Every structure is written in C-alpha cells, then in structure tokens.
C-alpha cells in the first residue's frame, strides 16, 4: 500500500474508546495500586547503614585535637 493511502490515526477514536471503557480502566488501576500498597505495607522493613573511617597511621603530631573529624566521610 502506498504511503499516501495509509489510514490516519484519529485521537478522537482513542478518547472515545477510553470513555466507553472508563470503568474498566479505573477498576484495573485501583486493583493494581491497591495490590502494590498491600504488598508494600505487608513487608518487614529492613534498615541498613554503612560508614567508612579512613585512618592514616603516623600522621598525627599531637597538636590538633579535631583532626580525626577531618577524615570521617559518610
């Protein structure tokens, strides 16, 4: 079929189809969201954290008291 004879897509047809099946779309959306919420709230929360402390041996000269705080990163 040549390019010029191709059928065009009319957005009004899509809107009419969605309006005709409005309740099916809404019901499906509510079921999916409700299932996701039920699954999410039924899971046991797991909390974890990590931290790294960089210790460079032999660099302290004893004159700075807050120097270790400079090496802490999160």
C-alpha atoms as a PDB file:
ATOM      1  CA  UNK A   1       0.000   0.000   0.000  1.00  0.00           C
ATOM      2  CA  UNK A   2       1.494   3.387  -0.917  1.00  0.00           C
ATOM      3  CA  UNK A   3       2.341   5.908   1.828  1.00  0.00           C
ATOM      4  CA  UNK A   4      -0.334   8.335   0.645  1.00  0.00           C
ATOM      5  CA  UNK A   5      -3.157   5.784   1.121  1.00  0.00           C
ATOM      6  CA  UNK A   6      -2.252   4.827   4.669  1.00  0.00           C
ATOM      7  CA  UNK A   7      -5.035   5.195   7.230  1.00  0.00           C
ATOM      8  CA  UNK A   8      -4.514   8.082   9.645  1.00  0.00           C
ATOM      9  CA  UNK A   9      -4.793   7.715  13.390  1.00  0.00           C
ATOM     10  CA  UNK A  10      -7.523   9.818  14.928  1.00  0.00           C
ATOM     11  CA  UNK A  11      -7.005  10.698  18.570  1.00  0.00           C
ATOM     12  CA  UNK A  12     -10.761  11.138  18.996  1.00  0.00           C
ATOM     13  CA  UNK A  13     -11.231   7.409  18.405  1.00  0.00           C
ATOM     14  CA  UNK A  14      -8.823   6.616  21.236  1.00  0.00           C
ATOM     15  CA  UNK A  15     -10.557   9.046  23.575  1.00  0.00           C
ATOM     16  CA  UNK A  16     -13.957   7.587  22.679  1.00  0.00           C
ATOM     17  CA  UNK A  17     -12.682   4.065  23.369  1.00  0.00           C
ATOM     18  CA  UNK A  18     -11.274   5.110  26.742  1.00  0.00           C
ATOM     19  CA  UNK A  19     -14.551   6.838  27.634  1.00  0.00           C
ATOM     20  CA  UNK A  20     -16.536   3.755  26.649  1.00  0.00           C
ATOM     21  CA  UNK A  21     -14.361   1.544  28.879  1.00  0.00           C
ATOM     22  CA  UNK A  22     -13.861   4.125  31.609  1.00  0.00           C
ATOM     23  CA  UNK A  23     -14.900   1.847  34.473  1.00  0.00           C
ATOM     24  CA  UNK A  24     -12.680  -0.999  33.317  1.00  0.00           C
ATOM     25  CA  UNK A  25      -9.699   1.346  33.232  1.00  0.00           C
ATOM     26  CA  UNK A  26     -10.499   2.783  36.671  1.00  0.00           C
ATOM     27  CA  UNK A  27     -11.088  -0.654  38.211  1.00  0.00           C
ATOM     28  CA  UNK A  28      -7.837  -2.023  36.788  1.00  0.00           C
ATOM     29  CA  UNK A  29      -5.912   0.997  38.046  1.00  0.00           C
ATOM     30  CA  UNK A  30      -7.397   0.673  41.534  1.00  0.00           C
ATOM     31  CA  UNK A  31      -6.652  -3.060  41.676  1.00  0.00           C
ATOM     32  CA  UNK A  32      -3.022  -2.564  40.673  1.00  0.00           C
ATOM     33  CA  UNK A  33      -2.448   0.332  43.080  1.00  0.00           C
ATOM     34  CA  UNK A  34      -4.260  -1.483  45.902  1.00  0.00           C
ATOM     35  CA  UNK A  35      -2.256  -4.658  45.354  1.00  0.00           C
ATOM     36  CA  UNK A  36       1.014  -2.717  45.321  1.00  0.00           C
ATOM     37  CA  UNK A  37       0.101  -0.901  48.539  1.00  0.00           C
ATOM     38  CA  UNK A  38      -0.974  -4.122  50.275  1.00  0.00           C
ATOM     39  CA  UNK A  39       2.267  -5.824  49.288  1.00  0.00           C
ATOM     40  CA  UNK A  40       4.369  -2.836  50.339  1.00  0.00           C
ATOM     41  CA  UNK A  41       2.771  -2.473  53.763  1.00  0.00           C
ATOM     42  CA  UNK A  42       2.919  -6.225  54.485  1.00  0.00           C
ATOM     43  CA  UNK A  43       6.708  -6.380  54.062  1.00  0.00           C
ATOM     44  CA  UNK A  44       9.013  -6.212  57.066  1.00  0.00           C
ATOM     45  CA  UNK A  45      11.102  -3.043  56.912  1.00  0.00           C
ATOM     46  CA  UNK A  46      14.836  -3.610  56.583  1.00  0.00           C
ATOM     47  CA  UNK A  47      17.138  -0.808  57.628  1.00  0.00           C
ATOM     48  CA  UNK A  48      20.848  -0.766  56.924  1.00  0.00           C
ATOM     49  CA  UNK A  49      23.635   1.749  57.008  1.00  0.00           C
ATOM     50  CA  UNK A  50      27.311   1.767  56.202  1.00  0.00           C
ATOM     51  CA  UNK A  51      30.132   4.031  57.257  1.00  0.00           C
ATOM     52  CA  UNK A  52      33.815   4.171  56.431  1.00  0.00           C
ATOM     53  CA  UNK A  53      36.524   5.627  58.616  1.00  0.00           C
ATOM     54  CA  UNK A  54      39.842   6.454  56.992  1.00  0.00           C
ATOM     55  CA  UNK A  55      42.757   6.058  59.368  1.00  0.00           C
ATOM     56  CA  UNK A  56      46.135   7.227  58.152  1.00  0.00           C
ATOM     57  CA  UNK A  57      48.806   5.918  60.530  1.00  0.00           C
ATOM     58  CA  UNK A  58      51.759   8.076  61.505  1.00  0.00           C
ATOM     59  CA  UNK A  59      50.320  11.457  60.504  1.00  0.00           C
ATOM     60  CA  UNK A  60      49.363  12.799  63.938  1.00  0.00           C
ATOM     61  CA  UNK A  61      51.767  15.194  65.610  1.00  0.00           C
ATOM     62  CA  UNK A  62      49.652  15.625  68.735  1.00  0.00           C
ATOM     63  CA  UNK A  63      48.921  19.324  68.253  1.00  0.00           C
ATOM     64  CA  UNK A  64      45.496  19.127  66.605  1.00  0.00           C
ATOM     65  CA  UNK A  65      42.616  17.780  68.663  1.00  0.00           C
ATOM     66  CA  UNK A  66      39.899  17.854  65.938  1.00  0.00           C
ATOM     67  CA  UNK A  67      41.997  16.304  63.171  1.00  0.00           C
ATOM     68  CA  UNK A  68      40.210  12.903  63.221  1.00  0.00           C
ATOM     69  CA  UNK A  69      36.967  14.661  62.294  1.00  0.00           C
ATOM     70  CA  UNK A  70      38.580  15.760  59.023  1.00  0.00           C
ATOM     71  CA  UNK A  71      38.974  12.134  57.889  1.00  0.00           C
ATOM     72  CA  UNK A  72      35.406  10.954  58.539  1.00  0.00           C
ATOM     73  CA  UNK A  73      33.251  10.592  55.426  1.00  0.00           C
ATOM     74  CA  UNK A  74      29.711   9.351  55.107  1.00  0.00           C
END
